[in-house]
Amino acid sequence: MNNRKYSVIVFDLGNVLIPFNYNIAVEKLERIEPKLGEKFMEYYKANYALHRTFERGAMDEEDFINKILLALENKIDKESFYDIYSKIFIADEEVISLLPKLKKKYLLVLLSNTNSIHQKHGWDHYEFIKYFDELILSYKIGALKPEEKIYKAVEAFTKKPPEEHIFIDDIFEYAEAAKKVGWDAIHFTGYDNLIGELKQRKII
């Protein structure tokens, strides 16, 4: 494994670089009206396919928002929804601190199942985004991890052989899917684990 040559490090976003917590949104909604946060989570879980369709880019923003606001009986407006739905991220400064060091030797690519609202209102302002050579986002590609198409979109950008890519993701299934296309992958379970895996491969 240590003899493998790496030229590209691919990072997942949510729960690797920026942990997220929907309870933050729930608490804000509860302050607007009791049970509103509960209602949101019940609807969101029961209609998870809606979330996935939006992340795939197969549903436009307006349609998605209208469906959610309707489920919330229009107790909040669109601007409030942007804020509540998107301010759920907290930067993991330890993991982020690795990016400038890795950038010196490797191409860095961000590979995320995400949507236009979360990008614009949730995480696009983070300074660390500048370290990435490319952002491969599900809603722009029209595919979701663990589908092969989204990993191939990374390769189309890097122009590097599959075996030179290594992927870091907190979801085991998505890391395994990267291995199926010939990449190496690390199932992210925390900073210390990640450091150990990178050192083992002589990446750092």
C-alpha atoms as a PDB file:
ATOM      1  CA  MET A   1       0.000   0.000   0.000  1.00  0.00           C
ATOM      2  CA  ASN A   2       2.834   2.388   0.880  1.00  0.00           C
ATOM      3  CA  ASN A   3       4.301   2.033  -2.615  1.00  0.00           C
ATOM      4  CA  ARG A   4       1.203   3.467  -4.232  1.00  0.00           C
ATOM      5  CA  LYS A   5       1.746   6.865  -5.867  1.00  0.00           C
ATOM      6  CA  TYR A   6      -0.853   9.484  -4.969  1.00  0.00           C
ATOM      7  CA  SER A   7      -1.389  12.691  -6.884  1.00  0.00           C
ATOM      8  CA  VAL A   8      -5.002  13.552  -5.924  1.00  0.00           C
ATOM      9  CA  ILE A   9      -6.656  13.774  -2.519  1.00  0.00           C
ATOM     10  CA  VAL A  10     -10.446  13.916  -2.656  1.00  0.00           C
ATOM     11  CA  PHE A  11     -12.344  15.135   0.385  1.00  0.00           C
ATOM     12  CA  ASP A  12     -15.966  14.740   1.287  1.00  0.00           C
ATOM     13  CA  LEU A  13     -17.424  17.907   2.813  1.00  0.00           C
ATOM     14  CA  GLY A  14     -20.188  17.208   5.339  1.00  0.00           C
ATOM     15  CA  ASN A  15     -19.067  15.474   8.557  1.00  0.00           C
ATOM     16  CA  VAL A  16     -15.434  15.506   7.402  1.00  0.00           C
ATOM     17  CA  LEU A  17     -14.521  19.183   6.964  1.00  0.00           C
ATOM     18  CA  ILE A  18     -17.769  20.630   8.282  1.00  0.00           C
ATOM     19  CA  PRO A  19     -19.844  18.510  10.652  1.00  0.00           C
ATOM     20  CA  PHE A  20     -23.542  19.350  10.413  1.00  0.00           C
ATOM     21  CA  ASN A  21     -26.409  19.052  12.820  1.00  0.00           C
ATOM     22  CA  TYR A  22     -30.055  19.401  11.803  1.00  0.00           C
ATOM     23  CA  ASN A  23     -30.977  19.864  15.471  1.00  0.00           C
ATOM     24  CA  ILE A  24     -29.705  23.438  15.113  1.00  0.00           C
ATOM     25  CA  ALA A  25     -32.448  24.012  12.499  1.00  0.00           C
ATOM     26  CA  VAL A  26     -35.019  22.183  14.627  1.00  0.00           C
ATOM     27  CA  GLU A  27     -34.297  24.387  17.668  1.00  0.00           C
ATOM     28  CA  LYS A  28     -34.664  27.582  15.602  1.00  0.00           C
ATOM     29  CA  LEU A  29     -38.009  26.372  14.251  1.00  0.00           C
ATOM     30  CA  GLU A  30     -39.187  25.429  17.747  1.00  0.00           C
ATOM     31  CA  ARG A  31     -38.496  29.006  18.857  1.00  0.00           C
ATOM     32  CA  ILE A  32     -40.771  30.272  16.084  1.00  0.00           C
ATOM     33  CA  GLU A  33     -43.565  27.922  17.071  1.00  0.00           C
ATOM     34  CA  PRO A  34     -43.631  24.847  19.334  1.00  0.00           C
ATOM     35  CA  LYS A  35     -43.632  21.552  17.378  1.00  0.00           C
ATOM     36  CA  LEU A  36     -42.578  23.311  14.137  1.00  0.00           C
ATOM     37  CA  GLY A  37     -39.080  21.798  14.291  1.00  0.00           C
ATOM     38  CA  GLU A  38     -40.547  18.402  15.010  1.00  0.00           C
ATOM     39  CA  LYS A  39     -42.880  18.789  12.043  1.00  0.00           C
ATOM     40  CA  PHE A  40     -39.941  19.713   9.799  1.00  0.00           C
ATOM     41  CA  MET A  41     -37.903  16.635  10.772  1.00  0.00           C
ATOM     42  CA  GLU A  42     -40.872  14.298  10.401  1.00  0.00           C
ATOM     43  CA  TYR A  43     -41.533  15.637   6.911  1.00  0.00           C
ATOM     44  CA  TYR A  44     -37.846  15.608   5.967  1.00  0.00           C
ATOM     45  CA  LYS A  45     -37.359  11.998   7.049  1.00  0.00           C
ATOM     46  CA  ALA A  46     -40.620  10.786   5.493  1.00  0.00           C
ATOM     47  CA  ASN A  47     -39.714  12.520   2.221  1.00  0.00           C
ATOM     48  CA  TYR A  48     -35.978  11.824   2.128  1.00  0.00           C
ATOM     49  CA  ALA A  49     -36.276  11.076  -1.597  1.00  0.00           C
ATOM     50  CA  LEU A  50     -37.134  14.762  -2.024  1.00  0.00           C
ATOM     51  CA  HIS A  51     -33.804  15.730  -0.435  1.00  0.00           C
ATOM     52  CA  ARG A  52     -31.932  13.260  -2.657  1.00  0.00           C
ATOM     53  CA  THR A  53     -33.708  14.489  -5.791  1.00  0.00           C
ATOM     54  CA  PHE A  54     -32.727  18.057  -4.927  1.00  0.00           C
ATOM     55  CA  GLU A  55     -29.099  17.003  -4.289  1.00  0.00           C
ATOM     56  CA  ARG A  56     -29.073  15.269  -7.655  1.00  0.00           C
ATOM     57  CA  GLY A  57     -30.057  18.534  -9.316  1.00  0.00           C
ATOM     58  CA  ALA A  58     -33.262  16.934 -10.619  1.00  0.00           C
ATOM     59  CA  MET A  59     -35.489  19.436  -8.792  1.00  0.00           C
ATOM     60  CA  ASP A  60     -35.182  23.196  -8.914  1.00  0.00           C
ATOM     61  CA  GLU A  61     -34.635  25.279  -5.811  1.00  0.00           C
ATOM     62  CA  GLU A  62     -38.027  27.001  -5.959  1.00  0.00           C
ATOM     63  CA  ASP A  63     -39.921  23.729  -6.120  1.00  0.00           C
ATOM     64  CA  PHE A  64     -37.952  22.270  -3.207  1.00  0.00           C
ATOM     65  CA  ILE A  65     -38.465  25.344  -1.024  1.00  0.00           C
ATOM     66  CA  ASN A  66     -42.187  25.518  -1.797  1.00  0.00           C
ATOM     67  CA  LYS A  67     -42.674  21.885  -0.791  1.00  0.00           C
ATOM     68  CA  ILE A  68     -40.882  22.382   2.534  1.00  0.00           C
ATOM     69  CA  LEU A  69     -42.657  25.673   3.299  1.00  0.00           C
ATOM     70  CA  LEU A  70     -45.997  24.068   2.533  1.00  0.00           C
ATOM     71  CA  ALA A  71     -45.188  21.264   4.992  1.00  0.00           C
ATOM     72  CA  LEU A  72     -44.422  23.984   7.546  1.00  0.00           C
ATOM     73  CA  GLU A  73     -47.788  25.621   6.761  1.00  0.00           C
ATOM     74  CA  ASN A  74     -45.891  28.701   5.546  1.00  0.00           C
ATOM     75  CA  LYS A  75     -45.056  29.685   9.121  1.00  0.00           C
ATOM     76  CA  ILE A  76     -41.698  30.989   7.830  1.00  0.00           C
ATOM     77  CA  ASP A  77     -40.744  32.847   4.654  1.00  0.00           C
ATOM     78  CA  LYS A  78     -38.138  31.890   2.072  1.00  0.00           C
ATOM     79  CA  GLU A  79     -35.354  34.056   3.540  1.00  0.00           C
ATOM     80  CA  SER A  80     -35.868  32.571   7.001  1.00  0.00           C
ATOM     81  CA  PHE A  81     -35.824  29.097   5.479  1.00  0.00           C
ATOM     82  CA  TYR A  82     -32.469  29.756   3.769  1.00  0.00           C
ATOM     83  CA  ASP A  83     -30.982  30.766   7.114  1.00  0.00           C
ATOM     84  CA  ILE A  84     -32.508  27.978   9.195  1.00  0.00           C
ATOM     85  CA  TYR A  85     -31.868  25.206   6.653  1.00  0.00           C
ATOM     86  CA  SER A  86     -28.289  26.255   5.917  1.00  0.00           C
ATOM     87  CA  LYS A  87     -26.790  27.416   9.218  1.00  0.00           C
ATOM     88  CA  ILE A  88     -26.280  23.839  10.416  1.00  0.00           C
ATOM     89  CA  PHE A  89     -22.540  23.509   9.718  1.00  0.00           C
ATOM     90  CA  ILE A  90     -19.614  23.791  12.128  1.00  0.00           C
ATOM     91  CA  ALA A  91     -16.056  23.820  10.755  1.00  0.00           C
ATOM     92  CA  ASP A  92     -13.658  21.105  11.960  1.00  0.00           C
ATOM     93  CA  GLU A  93     -10.538  23.255  12.263  1.00  0.00           C
ATOM     94  CA  GLU A  94      -8.246  20.268  12.884  1.00  0.00           C
ATOM     95  CA  VAL A  95      -9.124  18.580   9.594  1.00  0.00           C
ATOM     96  CA  ILE A  96      -9.185  21.912   7.744  1.00  0.00           C
ATOM     97  CA  SER A  97      -5.646  22.657   8.985  1.00  0.00           C
ATOM     98  CA  LEU A  98      -4.371  19.764   6.844  1.00  0.00           C
ATOM     99  CA  LEU A  99      -5.465  21.385   3.568  1.00  0.00           C
ATOM    100  CA  PRO A 100      -2.696  23.999   3.102  1.00  0.00           C
ATOM    101  CA  LYS A 101      -0.053  21.345   3.834  1.00  0.00           C
ATOM    102  CA  LEU A 102      -1.548  18.786   1.450  1.00  0.00           C
ATOM    103  CA  LYS A 103      -2.066  21.445  -1.231  1.00  0.00           C
ATOM    104  CA  LYS A 104       1.714  21.807  -1.589  1.00  0.00           C
ATOM    105  CA  LYS A 105       2.065  18.262  -2.964  1.00  0.00           C
ATOM    106  CA  TYR A 106      -1.328  17.112  -4.209  1.00  0.00           C
ATOM    107  CA  LEU A 107      -4.286  18.142  -6.299  1.00  0.00           C
ATOM    108  CA  LEU A 108      -7.201  18.671  -3.914  1.00  0.00           C
ATOM    109  CA  VAL A 109     -10.778  17.985  -4.998  1.00  0.00           C
ATOM    110  CA  LEU A 110     -13.970  18.388  -3.002  1.00  0.00           C
ATOM    111  CA  LEU A 111     -16.577  15.702  -3.729  1.00  0.00           C
ATOM    112  CA  SER A 112     -19.925  16.281  -2.075  1.00  0.00           C
ATOM    113  CA  ASN A 113     -23.550  15.245  -2.169  1.00  0.00           C
ATOM    114  CA  THR A 114     -24.943  18.733  -1.662  1.00  0.00           C
ATOM    115  CA  ASN A 115     -27.477  21.198  -3.008  1.00  0.00           C
ATOM    116  CA  SER A 116     -27.536  24.770  -4.272  1.00  0.00           C
ATOM    117  CA  ILE A 117     -29.056  26.193  -1.069  1.00  0.00           C
ATOM    118  CA  HIS A 118     -26.480  24.608   1.229  1.00  0.00           C
ATOM    119  CA  GLN A 119     -23.673  25.774  -1.041  1.00  0.00           C
ATOM    120  CA  LYS A 120     -24.835  29.377  -1.344  1.00  0.00           C
ATOM    121  CA  HIS A 121     -26.132  29.906   2.171  1.00  0.00           C
ATOM    122  CA  GLY A 122     -24.318  27.269   4.224  1.00  0.00           C
ATOM    123  CA  TRP A 123     -20.685  26.650   3.326  1.00  0.00           C
ATOM    124  CA  ASP A 124     -19.483  28.633   0.293  1.00  0.00           C
ATOM    125  CA  HIS A 125     -18.156  31.432   2.513  1.00  0.00           C
ATOM    126  CA  TYR A 126     -15.651  29.206   4.319  1.00  0.00           C
ATOM    127  CA  GLU A 127     -12.072  30.284   3.596  1.00  0.00           C
ATOM    128  CA  PHE A 128     -10.817  26.701   3.240  1.00  0.00           C
ATOM    129  CA  ILE A 129     -12.759  26.230  -0.015  1.00  0.00           C
ATOM    130  CA  LYS A 130      -9.966  28.167  -1.783  1.00  0.00           C
ATOM    131  CA  TYR A 131      -7.552  25.259  -1.236  1.00  0.00           C
ATOM    132  CA  PHE A 132      -9.511  23.026  -3.600  1.00  0.00           C
ATOM    133  CA  ASP A 133      -8.579  22.848  -7.252  1.00  0.00           C
ATOM    134  CA  GLU A 134     -12.106  21.769  -8.140  1.00  0.00           C
ATOM    135  CA  LEU A 135     -15.509  21.250  -6.514  1.00  0.00           C
ATOM    136  CA  ILE A 136     -17.422  18.234  -7.789  1.00  0.00           C
ATOM    137  CA  LEU A 137     -20.948  18.726  -6.464  1.00  0.00           C
ATOM    138  CA  SER A 138     -23.793  16.255  -6.898  1.00  0.00           C
ATOM    139  CA  TYR A 139     -26.412  18.796  -7.952  1.00  0.00           C
ATOM    140  CA  LYS A 140     -24.152  20.106 -10.717  1.00  0.00           C
ATOM    141  CA  ILE A 141     -23.048  16.660 -11.938  1.00  0.00           C
ATOM    142  CA  GLY A 142     -26.519  15.080 -11.866  1.00  0.00           C
ATOM    143  CA  ALA A 143     -25.283  12.103  -9.849  1.00  0.00           C
ATOM    144  CA  LEU A 144     -24.901  11.145  -6.200  1.00  0.00           C
ATOM    145  CA  LYS A 145     -22.326   9.148  -4.296  1.00  0.00           C
ATOM    146  CA  PRO A 146     -22.064   6.143  -4.412  1.00  0.00           C
ATOM    147  CA  GLU A 147     -22.866   6.247  -8.176  1.00  0.00           C
ATOM    148  CA  GLU A 148     -19.857   5.698 -10.425  1.00  0.00           C
ATOM    149  CA  LYS A 149     -20.634   8.778 -12.536  1.00  0.00           C
ATOM    150  CA  ILE A 150     -19.712  11.231  -9.773  1.00  0.00           C
ATOM    151  CA  TYR A 151     -16.299   9.602  -9.165  1.00  0.00           C
ATOM    152  CA  LYS A 152     -15.633   9.609 -12.900  1.00  0.00           C
ATOM    153  CA  ALA A 153     -16.418  13.354 -12.929  1.00  0.00           C
ATOM    154  CA  VAL A 154     -13.451  13.816 -10.577  1.00  0.00           C
ATOM    155  CA  GLU A 155     -11.180  11.852 -12.925  1.00  0.00           C
ATOM    156  CA  ALA A 156     -12.419  13.885 -15.886  1.00  0.00           C
ATOM    157  CA  PHE A 157     -11.092  16.969 -14.094  1.00  0.00           C
ATOM    158  CA  THR A 158      -7.819  15.577 -12.716  1.00  0.00           C
ATOM    159  CA  LYS A 159      -6.815  13.606 -15.833  1.00  0.00           C
ATOM    160  CA  LYS A 160      -4.945  11.264 -13.467  1.00  0.00           C
ATOM    161  CA  PRO A 161      -5.168   7.439 -13.338  1.00  0.00           C
ATOM    162  CA  PRO A 162      -7.769   6.086 -10.862  1.00  0.00           C
ATOM    163  CA  GLU A 163      -5.089   4.511  -8.655  1.00  0.00           C
ATOM    164  CA  GLU A 164      -3.521   7.935  -7.971  1.00  0.00           C
ATOM    165  CA  HIS A 165      -6.703   9.141  -6.212  1.00  0.00           C
ATOM    166  CA  ILE A 166      -7.460   8.740  -2.528  1.00  0.00           C
ATOM    167  CA  PHE A 167     -10.879   9.597  -1.116  1.00  0.00           C
ATOM    168  CA  ILE A 168     -11.794  10.574   2.456  1.00  0.00           C
ATOM    169  CA  ASP A 169     -15.474  10.143   3.405  1.00  0.00           C
ATOM    170  CA  ASP A 170     -17.349   9.553   6.654  1.00  0.00           C
ATOM    171  CA  ILE A 171     -19.828   7.182   4.973  1.00  0.00           C
ATOM    172  CA  PHE A 172     -18.335   3.709   4.566  1.00  0.00           C
ATOM    173  CA  GLU A 173     -20.456   2.902   1.493  1.00  0.00           C
ATOM    174  CA  TYR A 174     -19.153   5.983  -0.353  1.00  0.00           C
ATOM    175  CA  ALA A 175     -15.526   5.153   0.477  1.00  0.00           C
ATOM    176  CA  GLU A 176     -16.041   1.578  -0.739  1.00  0.00           C
ATOM    177  CA  ALA A 177     -17.585   2.847  -3.992  1.00  0.00           C
ATOM    178  CA  ALA A 178     -14.388   4.835  -4.611  1.00  0.00           C
ATOM    179  CA  LYS A 179     -12.365   1.631  -4.240  1.00  0.00           C
ATOM    180  CA  LYS A 180     -14.571  -0.034  -6.846  1.00  0.00           C
ATOM    181  CA  VAL A 181     -13.458   2.524  -9.439  1.00  0.00           C
ATOM    182  CA  GLY A 182      -9.795   1.903  -8.564  1.00  0.00           C
ATOM    183  CA  TRP A 183      -9.176   4.611  -5.990  1.00  0.00           C
ATOM    184  CA  ASP A 184      -7.800   4.175  -2.515  1.00  0.00           C
ATOM    185  CA  ALA A 185     -10.136   5.392   0.237  1.00  0.00           C
ATOM    186  CA  ILE A 186     -10.206   6.199   3.935  1.00  0.00           C
ATOM    187  CA  HIS A 187     -13.373   5.783   5.950  1.00  0.00           C
ATOM    188  CA  PHE A 188     -13.234   8.926   8.106  1.00  0.00           C
ATOM    189  CA  THR A 189     -14.046   8.376  11.770  1.00  0.00           C
ATOM    190  CA  GLY A 190     -12.153  11.336  13.227  1.00  0.00           C
ATOM    191  CA  TYR A 191      -9.021  13.465  12.961  1.00  0.00           C
ATOM    192  CA  ASP A 192      -6.671  11.075  14.784  1.00  0.00           C
ATOM    193  CA  ASN A 193      -7.781   8.141  12.654  1.00  0.00           C
ATOM    194  CA  LEU A 194      -7.290  10.217   9.492  1.00  0.00           C
ATOM    195  CA  ILE A 195      -3.755  11.263  10.512  1.00  0.00           C
ATOM    196  CA  GLY A 196      -2.869   7.616  11.175  1.00  0.00           C
ATOM    197  CA  GLU A 197      -4.196   6.513   7.778  1.00  0.00           C
ATOM    198  CA  LEU A 198      -2.365   9.316   5.933  1.00  0.00           C
ATOM    199  CA  LYS A 199       0.908   8.587   7.734  1.00  0.00           C
ATOM    200  CA  GLN A 200       0.604   4.891   6.987  1.00  0.00           C
ATOM    201  CA  ARG A 201       0.466   5.790   3.293  1.00  0.00           C
ATOM    202  CA  LYS A 202       3.337   8.312   3.631  1.00  0.00           C
ATOM    203  CA  ILE A 203       1.014  11.102   2.407  1.00  0.00           C
ATOM    204  CA  ILE A 204       2.023  13.212   5.396  1.00  0.00           C
END
